[in-house]
Amino acid sequence: MLEGELSDPRIAPSYVTDVVMAPGGKSARVFVAVHGSEAEEESTLAGLMTARAFIRSQLRDRMGVRHVPELTFAIDRSERMTGRMDELLGRLRKRDKRREASAAEAAKARAAIGAAGPAAETQS
């Protein structure tokens, strides 16, 4: 429904990620992920809030129920957060590899110095 049936130009390509019903079933929060910038997220949210009466009537007709909960929409940014976390973890892994390589080189250098040190002392 979000992709093709809502003709509001403010609604960017998006999809529903989760729906959380209130304990009496009278209201529901619909989480939507938007493909686009933060400005497109905000305009999509405004468009969905404007179209919620139409969406409720379509849900009522399609589901064949008498009562459809009041809908509120929220932007789901979990995928962006997951992507950002993956990026940060990747950076940490690279940094750890560099530190391990530096530590290994330093240990080799100390070992080489240590091995050369006693031999140099016995020659004197």
Protein backbone atom coordinates (compact mmCIF):
# COMPACT_ATOMS: atom_id res chain seq x y z
CA MET A 1 0.00 0.00 0.00
CA LEU A 2 2.82 2.42 0.84
CA GLU A 3 4.52 1.93 -2.51
CA GLY A 4 1.71 2.19 -5.01
CA GLU A 5 -1.65 3.19 -3.61
CA LEU A 6 -0.79 6.40 -1.79
CA SER A 7 -0.42 9.17 -4.34
CA ASP A 8 1.03 11.78 -1.98
CA PRO A 9 4.31 12.97 -3.54
CA ARG A 10 5.77 13.54 -0.07
CA ILE A 11 5.88 9.80 0.58
CA ALA A 12 9.30 8.47 -0.41
CA PRO A 13 9.95 4.77 -1.11
CA SER A 14 9.42 3.09 2.23
CA TYR A 15 8.25 -0.06 3.94
CA VAL A 16 6.73 -1.10 7.27
CA THR A 17 9.26 -2.66 9.63
CA ASP A 18 7.11 -3.22 12.71
CA VAL A 19 3.66 -2.59 14.16
CA VAL A 20 3.20 -2.31 17.91
CA MET A 21 -0.34 -2.59 19.20
CA ALA A 22 -1.41 -0.96 22.45
CA PRO A 23 -2.76 -3.33 25.12
CA GLY A 24 -6.45 -2.74 24.29
CA GLY A 25 -6.02 -2.83 20.56
CA LYS A 26 -7.35 0.72 20.21
CA SER A 27 -4.11 2.17 18.85
CA ALA A 28 -1.07 1.00 16.95
CA ARG A 29 2.30 2.51 16.21
CA VAL A 30 3.56 1.71 12.72
CA PHE A 31 7.32 1.87 12.23
CA VAL A 32 8.40 2.76 8.71
CA ALA A 33 11.88 2.65 7.14
CA VAL A 34 12.41 5.24 4.43
CA HIS A 35 14.95 5.01 1.63
CA GLY A 36 16.26 8.56 1.55
CA SER A 37 17.54 11.51 3.53
CA GLU A 38 16.26 12.82 6.84
CA ALA A 39 14.23 15.46 4.97
CA GLU A 40 12.56 12.68 2.97
CA GLU A 41 11.88 10.81 6.21
CA GLU A 42 10.13 13.84 7.66
CA SER A 43 8.08 14.48 4.52
CA THR A 44 7.12 10.79 4.35
CA LEU A 45 6.02 10.89 7.99
CA ALA A 46 3.90 13.99 7.30
CA GLY A 47 2.35 12.34 4.23
CA LEU A 48 1.53 9.16 6.15
CA MET A 49 -0.04 11.11 9.00
CA THR A 50 -2.19 12.96 6.46
CA ALA A 51 -3.22 9.69 4.79
CA ARG A 52 -3.91 7.69 7.94
CA ALA A 53 -7.72 7.90 7.64
CA PHE A 54 -7.47 6.46 4.12
CA ILE A 55 -5.05 3.78 5.32
CA ARG A 56 -7.40 2.81 8.17
CA SER A 57 -10.37 2.54 5.80
CA GLN A 58 -8.33 0.37 3.41
CA LEU A 59 -7.23 -1.87 6.28
CA ARG A 60 -10.83 -2.17 7.46
CA ASP A 61 -12.02 -3.16 3.98
CA ARG A 62 -9.19 -5.59 3.29
CA MET A 63 -9.22 -7.28 6.69
CA GLY A 64 -12.99 -7.40 6.99
CA VAL A 65 -13.04 -6.20 10.59
CA ARG A 66 -15.21 -3.64 12.32
CA HIS A 67 -12.54 -1.86 14.27
CA VAL A 68 -9.11 -0.79 13.05
CA PRO A 69 -6.87 0.84 15.65
CA GLU A 70 -5.86 4.48 15.52
CA LEU A 71 -2.58 4.64 13.65
CA THR A 72 0.48 6.68 14.44
CA PHE A 73 3.61 6.48 12.35
CA ALA A 74 7.24 6.61 13.41
CA ILE A 75 10.47 6.46 11.44
CA ASP A 76 12.49 3.30 12.04
CA ARG A 77 16.19 4.14 11.88
CA SER A 78 17.40 0.77 13.12
CA GLU A 79 18.91 -0.21 9.76
CA ARG A 80 20.91 3.00 9.61
CA MET A 81 22.08 2.46 13.17
CA THR A 82 23.04 -1.13 12.36
CA GLY A 83 25.01 0.05 9.33
CA ARG A 84 26.78 2.68 11.39
CA MET A 85 27.61 0.15 14.11
CA ASP A 86 29.01 -2.24 11.49
CA GLU A 87 31.16 0.58 10.11
CA LEU A 88 32.49 1.48 13.56
CA LEU A 89 33.20 -2.17 14.42
CA GLY A 90 35.07 -2.56 11.14
CA ARG A 91 37.22 0.44 12.00
CA LEU A 92 37.99 -1.03 15.42
CA ARG A 93 39.01 -4.35 13.87
CA LYS A 94 41.37 -2.59 11.45
CA ARG A 95 42.88 -0.57 14.28
CA ASP A 96 43.36 -3.72 16.40
CA LYS A 97 45.09 -5.49 13.48
CA ARG A 98 47.44 -2.53 13.03
CA ARG A 99 48.23 -2.49 16.75
CA GLU A 100 48.89 -6.24 16.78
CA ALA A 101 51.18 -5.91 13.75
CA SER A 102 53.06 -3.03 15.41
CA ALA A 103 53.38 -4.98 18.65
CA ALA A 104 54.69 -8.02 16.77
CA GLU A 105 57.28 -5.89 14.95
CA ALA A 106 58.35 -4.29 18.22
CA ALA A 107 58.70 -7.72 19.85
CA LYS A 108 60.84 -8.94 16.92
CA ALA A 109 63.03 -5.84 17.22
CA ARG A 110 63.46 -6.34 20.98
CA ALA A 111 64.26 -10.01 20.43
CA ALA A 112 66.85 -9.12 17.78
CA ILE A 113 68.43 -6.55 20.07
CA GLY A 114 68.33 -8.98 22.99
CA ALA A 115 69.95 -11.73 20.93
CA ALA A 116 72.67 -9.41 19.65
CA GLY A 117 73.27 -7.84 23.06
CA PRO A 118 74.81 -10.78 24.97
CA ALA A 119 76.95 -11.79 21.98
CA ALA A 120 78.34 -8.27 21.79
CA GLU A 121 79.13 -8.32 25.53
CA THR A 122 81.05 -11.64 25.33
CA GLN A 123 83.25 -10.28 22.54
CA SER A 124 84.46 -7.33 24.60
